[in-house]
Amino acid sequence: MTIETMTTKILDWAMTSGAKLVIGIILIVIGFKVINKLARKFVVFSEKRNIDMTLVKFTKSFIGISLKGLLVLVIAGGYWDLELSGLAAIVASAGVAIGLALQGSLSNFAGGFIILLLRPFKVGDYIQTGQFEGAVEQIGVFYTTLTTVDNKVVLIPNGTLSNGSLINYSTKDTRRVDLIFSAGYECDILKVRSVLKEIVAKNKLVLDYPEPFVGLFEQGPNSLNFAVRVWVNTPDYWTVYFDLLEQVKIKFDEENISIPYPQMDLHVKQILK
């Protein structure tokens, strides 16, 4: 085969099949952008109609993947004239291997539907699962996206979430703040309890019902430990938690209530010869 013949064949391929290949890729890229734009408009439309964002974002993810897959099949079969029947036969013959390879993905896919059906959590909830915790940003087809308190993004497989244990901190409207405060044995128990009750009563975010509890919790090795248990609205949990810690320290200093710390007494014996 001469160089001229090879050049002619390459030019013929570039003018026919090559051009169709490039145009097909361009159509796929444009189609993907259009699908993404329509998906964003769907989310905006749903927000205006106050539709549940958990369902909206899952639907967006599912439809987006489905439309993109359909677009690729249409371009490959309708425009590139690929023999999809032959490809289907190959896929069918390798079904066992493909099934094993996609086992994790299929589990995540099914897990997404289980989460959507049972609703153990929804978009916006703050959850903890395993070593990860954060606010649910999106429940996708295969993965759920969490945003941590320090703005990190964590992707957790839906199969793991649907089959594992998790804590949902946002399900209930109220939560209980549990704190332990220590005072020295020389302190007046009634005075310490009175001071703690005063601090709790002044905090406007603490709910009146259920009634706050303040009492002696334990006579520890080095201190008297008082339990403070108050109920708050869920969004106010950390605000009340840190505010009580700060106010107790300030008030204990004003009232000369000692806050003990672990101590060790060392006795040295002199042996006389």
Protein backbone atom coordinates (compact mmCIF):
# COMPACT_ATOMS: atom_id res chain seq x y z
CA MET A 1 0.00 0.00 0.00
CA THR A 2 1.48 3.30 -1.09
CA ILE A 3 1.48 6.49 0.92
CA GLU A 4 -0.92 8.08 -1.54
CA THR A 5 -3.39 5.22 -1.14
CA MET A 6 -3.14 5.36 2.66
CA THR A 7 -3.59 9.14 2.62
CA THR A 8 -6.63 8.81 0.38
CA LYS A 9 -8.24 6.25 2.72
CA ILE A 10 -7.56 8.40 5.77
CA LEU A 11 -9.09 11.43 4.04
CA ASP A 12 -12.11 9.38 2.95
CA TRP A 13 -12.57 8.13 6.52
CA ALA A 14 -12.17 11.65 7.92
CA MET A 15 -14.75 13.03 5.49
CA THR A 16 -17.28 10.30 6.27
CA SER A 17 -17.00 8.22 9.45
CA GLY A 18 -14.54 10.58 11.13
CA ALA A 19 -16.80 13.58 10.61
CA LYS A 20 -19.78 11.64 11.95
CA LEU A 21 -17.74 10.61 14.98
CA VAL A 22 -16.75 14.21 15.78
CA ILE A 23 -20.27 15.54 15.17
CA GLY A 24 -21.71 12.77 17.35
CA ILE A 25 -19.36 13.65 20.21
CA ILE A 26 -20.30 17.32 19.85
CA LEU A 27 -23.99 16.39 19.97
CA ILE A 28 -23.42 14.33 23.12
CA VAL A 29 -21.59 17.20 24.82
CA ILE A 30 -24.32 19.67 23.86
CA GLY A 31 -27.00 17.21 24.92
CA PHE A 32 -25.37 16.72 28.33
CA LYS A 33 -25.30 20.49 28.86
CA VAL A 34 -28.96 20.80 27.88
CA ILE A 35 -29.93 17.96 30.25
CA ASN A 36 -27.99 19.60 33.11
CA LYS A 37 -29.69 22.93 32.42
CA LEU A 38 -33.14 21.33 32.36
CA ALA A 39 -32.34 19.54 35.63
CA ARG A 40 -31.42 22.84 37.31
CA LYS A 41 -34.62 24.44 36.04
CA PHE A 42 -36.57 21.48 37.41
CA VAL A 43 -35.06 22.09 40.87
CA VAL A 44 -35.87 25.83 40.72
CA PHE A 45 -39.44 25.07 39.61
CA SER A 46 -39.88 22.55 42.42
CA GLU A 47 -38.54 25.00 45.04
CA LYS A 48 -41.17 27.54 44.00
CA ARG A 49 -43.88 24.87 44.38
CA ASN A 50 -42.60 23.84 47.85
CA ILE A 51 -42.05 20.25 46.72
CA ASP A 52 -40.01 18.04 49.07
CA MET A 53 -36.36 18.63 48.15
CA THR A 54 -35.42 15.06 49.04
CA LEU A 55 -37.68 13.76 46.28
CA VAL A 56 -36.70 16.58 43.91
CA LYS A 57 -32.94 16.00 44.12
CA PHE A 58 -33.25 12.24 43.87
CA THR A 59 -35.51 12.61 40.82
CA LYS A 60 -33.09 15.10 39.29
CA SER A 61 -30.21 12.67 39.69
CA PHE A 62 -32.18 9.69 38.38
CA ILE A 63 -33.64 11.46 35.34
CA GLY A 64 -30.30 13.09 34.51
CA ILE A 65 -28.48 9.75 34.41
CA SER A 66 -31.30 8.09 32.45
CA LEU A 67 -31.51 10.86 29.81
CA LYS A 68 -27.74 10.94 29.33
CA GLY A 69 -27.63 7.17 28.88
CA LEU A 70 -30.53 7.33 26.40
CA LEU A 71 -28.82 10.13 24.46
CA VAL A 72 -25.62 8.10 24.08
CA LEU A 73 -27.62 5.08 22.84
CA VAL A 74 -29.53 7.20 20.33
CA ILE A 75 -26.35 8.77 18.95
CA ALA A 76 -24.55 5.43 18.81
CA GLY A 77 -27.40 3.52 17.18
CA GLY A 78 -29.18 6.20 15.18
CA TYR A 79 -26.38 8.46 14.04
CA TRP A 80 -23.22 6.35 14.15
CA ASP A 81 -25.11 3.28 12.87
CA LEU A 82 -23.44 0.97 15.38
CA GLU A 83 -24.79 -2.57 15.62
CA LEU A 84 -26.40 -2.40 19.07
CA SER A 85 -27.74 -5.92 18.68
CA GLY A 86 -24.21 -7.26 18.55
CA LEU A 87 -23.28 -5.21 21.57
CA ALA A 88 -26.35 -6.53 23.40
CA ALA A 89 -25.31 -10.10 22.62
CA ILE A 90 -21.84 -9.46 24.04
CA VAL A 91 -23.32 -7.89 27.16
CA ALA A 92 -25.73 -10.80 27.58
CA SER A 93 -22.96 -13.38 27.24
CA ALA A 94 -20.93 -11.53 29.85
CA GLY A 95 -23.93 -11.01 32.12
CA VAL A 96 -22.54 -12.87 35.11
CA ALA A 97 -19.27 -10.95 35.08
CA ILE A 98 -21.04 -7.63 34.61
CA GLY A 99 -23.48 -8.48 37.41
CA LEU A 100 -20.63 -9.19 39.80
CA ALA A 101 -18.80 -6.04 38.75
CA LEU A 102 -21.90 -3.90 39.24
CA GLN A 103 -23.02 -5.58 42.46
CA GLY A 104 -21.97 -2.62 44.60
CA SER A 105 -23.54 -0.09 42.23
CA LEU A 106 -26.80 -2.03 42.07
CA SER A 107 -26.84 -2.20 45.87
CA ASN A 108 -26.37 1.57 46.05
CA PHE A 109 -29.08 2.07 43.42
CA ALA A 110 -31.55 -0.05 45.40
CA GLY A 111 -30.46 1.68 48.62
CA GLY A 112 -31.37 5.04 47.13
CA PHE A 113 -34.94 3.88 46.52
CA ILE A 114 -35.14 2.39 50.02
CA ILE A 115 -34.04 5.71 51.54
CA LEU A 116 -36.56 7.56 49.38
CA LEU A 117 -39.33 5.15 50.38
CA LEU A 118 -38.67 4.78 54.13
CA ARG A 119 -37.35 8.33 54.69
CA PRO A 120 -34.92 7.71 57.58
CA PHE A 121 -33.65 11.20 56.76
CA LYS A 122 -34.24 13.97 54.24
CA VAL A 123 -32.31 16.78 52.61
CA GLY A 124 -31.28 19.30 55.27
CA ASP A 125 -31.19 16.80 58.18
CA TYR A 126 -28.04 16.48 60.27
CA ILE A 127 -27.07 12.82 60.53
CA GLN A 128 -24.23 10.66 61.80
CA THR A 129 -23.25 7.32 60.33
CA GLY A 130 -20.06 5.52 61.27
CA GLN A 131 -17.23 8.02 61.46
CA PHE A 132 -19.02 10.64 59.34
CA GLU A 133 -21.58 13.26 60.27
CA GLY A 134 -22.99 16.32 58.57
CA ALA A 135 -25.99 17.92 56.91
CA VAL A 136 -27.60 16.00 54.05
CA GLU A 137 -27.07 18.03 50.90
CA GLN A 138 -28.35 15.58 48.32
CA ILE A 139 -29.66 12.02 48.05
CA GLY A 140 -28.48 10.83 44.65
CA VAL A 141 -29.08 7.63 42.73
CA PHE A 142 -25.91 5.97 44.03
CA TYR A 143 -24.50 8.26 46.74
CA THR A 144 -25.75 10.58 49.48
CA THR A 145 -23.82 13.82 49.89
CA LEU A 146 -23.09 15.20 53.37
CA THR A 147 -21.60 18.59 54.21
CA THR A 148 -19.66 18.58 57.48
CA VAL A 149 -19.58 21.46 59.96
CA ASP A 150 -16.17 22.52 58.61
CA ASN A 151 -17.57 22.53 55.04
CA LYS A 152 -16.12 19.26 53.80
CA VAL A 153 -18.12 17.18 51.34
CA VAL A 154 -18.56 13.47 52.12
CA LEU A 155 -20.04 10.96 49.66
CA ILE A 156 -21.57 7.90 51.31
CA PRO A 157 -22.89 4.92 49.27
CA ASN A 158 -26.65 4.54 49.55
CA GLY A 159 -26.24 0.81 50.14
CA THR A 160 -24.24 1.53 53.28
CA LEU A 161 -26.82 4.00 54.58
CA SER A 162 -29.82 1.77 53.87
CA ASN A 163 -28.25 -1.28 55.54
CA GLY A 164 -26.34 0.36 58.40
CA SER A 165 -27.13 2.27 61.57
CA LEU A 166 -27.33 6.04 61.64
CA ILE A 167 -28.32 8.84 64.02
CA ASN A 168 -30.66 11.56 62.79
CA TYR A 169 -30.29 14.64 64.98
CA SER A 170 -32.95 16.61 63.09
CA THR A 171 -35.97 14.29 63.24
CA LYS A 172 -37.29 15.64 66.54
CA ASP A 173 -38.10 19.29 67.13
CA THR A 174 -36.41 19.32 70.54
CA ARG A 175 -33.23 17.86 72.06
CA ARG A 176 -31.86 17.57 75.58
CA VAL A 177 -28.57 19.17 76.54
CA ASP A 178 -26.73 17.07 79.15
CA LEU A 179 -23.85 18.67 81.05
CA ILE A 180 -21.86 17.76 84.16
CA PHE A 181 -20.33 20.48 86.38
CA SER A 182 -17.91 19.78 89.22
CA ALA A 183 -17.49 21.59 92.54
CA GLY A 184 -15.18 21.01 95.48
CA TYR A 185 -16.24 19.00 98.53
CA GLU A 186 -15.88 22.14 100.66
CA CYS A 187 -18.63 23.90 98.67
CA ASP A 188 -22.23 24.23 99.88
CA ILE A 189 -24.32 21.79 97.84
CA LEU A 190 -27.47 23.91 98.08
CA LYS A 191 -25.61 27.01 96.94
CA VAL A 192 -24.09 25.25 93.93
CA ARG A 193 -27.46 23.88 92.88
CA SER A 194 -29.07 27.30 93.34
CA VAL A 195 -26.43 28.97 91.17
CA LEU A 196 -26.88 26.39 88.41
CA LYS A 197 -30.67 26.77 88.49
CA GLU A 198 -30.29 30.55 88.25
CA ILE A 199 -28.06 30.24 85.18
CA VAL A 200 -30.50 27.88 83.50
CA ALA A 201 -33.49 30.12 84.29
CA LYS A 202 -31.79 33.15 82.69
CA ASN A 203 -31.15 31.37 79.42
CA LYS A 204 -34.03 32.33 77.13
CA LEU A 205 -33.42 29.43 74.74
CA VAL A 206 -34.05 26.79 77.41
CA LEU A 207 -37.58 25.40 77.24
CA ASP A 208 -39.85 25.45 80.30
CA TYR A 209 -41.28 22.05 79.42
CA PRO A 210 -39.99 19.45 79.92
CA GLU A 211 -38.80 21.09 83.11
CA PRO A 212 -35.01 21.58 83.46
CA PHE A 213 -33.26 19.30 85.93
CA VAL A 214 -30.38 20.32 88.19
CA GLY A 215 -29.13 17.98 90.91
CA LEU A 216 -26.20 16.21 92.49
CA PHE A 217 -25.20 13.46 90.11
CA GLU A 218 -22.18 11.86 91.75
CA GLN A 219 -19.81 12.11 94.67
CA GLY A 220 -16.63 11.62 92.70
CA PRO A 221 -13.12 10.88 93.98
CA ASN A 222 -12.13 14.55 93.80
CA SER A 223 -15.34 16.51 93.34
CA LEU A 224 -19.09 16.79 93.68
CA ASN A 225 -20.54 16.39 90.20
CA PHE A 226 -23.82 18.13 89.36
CA ALA A 227 -25.99 17.17 86.37
CA VAL A 228 -27.71 19.85 84.30
CA ARG A 229 -30.30 18.58 81.82
CA VAL A 230 -32.31 21.08 79.81
CA TRP A 231 -34.51 20.81 76.74
CA VAL A 232 -34.06 23.13 73.77
CA ASN A 233 -35.25 23.47 70.19
CA THR A 234 -33.02 21.37 67.96
CA PRO A 235 -31.44 24.33 66.08
CA ASP A 236 -30.47 25.91 69.45
CA TYR A 237 -28.63 22.85 70.80
CA TRP A 238 -25.02 24.00 70.35
CA THR A 239 -25.80 27.61 71.21
CA VAL A 240 -27.18 26.57 74.60
CA TYR A 241 -24.45 23.97 75.13
CA PHE A 242 -21.57 26.43 74.78
CA ASP A 243 -23.42 29.28 76.52
CA LEU A 244 -24.05 27.19 79.64
CA LEU A 245 -20.39 26.13 79.80
CA GLU A 246 -19.29 29.75 79.66
CA GLN A 247 -21.87 31.14 82.08
CA VAL A 248 -21.22 28.46 84.72
CA LYS A 249 -17.49 29.20 84.76
CA ILE A 250 -18.13 32.95 85.08
CA LYS A 251 -20.74 32.51 87.82
CA PHE A 252 -18.66 29.98 89.78
CA ASP A 253 -15.77 32.46 89.84
CA GLU A 254 -18.09 35.24 91.07
CA GLU A 255 -19.52 33.02 93.83
CA ASN A 256 -16.11 31.59 94.81
CA ILE A 257 -17.22 28.07 93.97
CA SER A 258 -14.10 26.02 93.38
CA ILE A 259 -13.78 23.80 90.33
CA PRO A 260 -11.45 20.97 91.38
CA TYR A 261 -9.00 19.16 89.20
CA PRO A 262 -7.37 15.77 89.69
CA GLN A 263 -4.65 15.87 92.32
CA MET A 264 -2.13 13.38 93.63
CA ASP A 265 -0.67 13.47 97.13
CA LEU A 266 2.90 12.22 97.30
CA HIS A 267 4.21 11.08 100.70
CA VAL A 268 7.97 10.67 101.13
CA LYS A 269 9.13 8.50 104.00
CA GLN A 270 12.62 8.79 105.34
CA ILE A 271 14.10 5.53 106.50
CA LEU A 272 16.50 6.01 109.36
CA LYS A 273 19.42 3.63 109.63
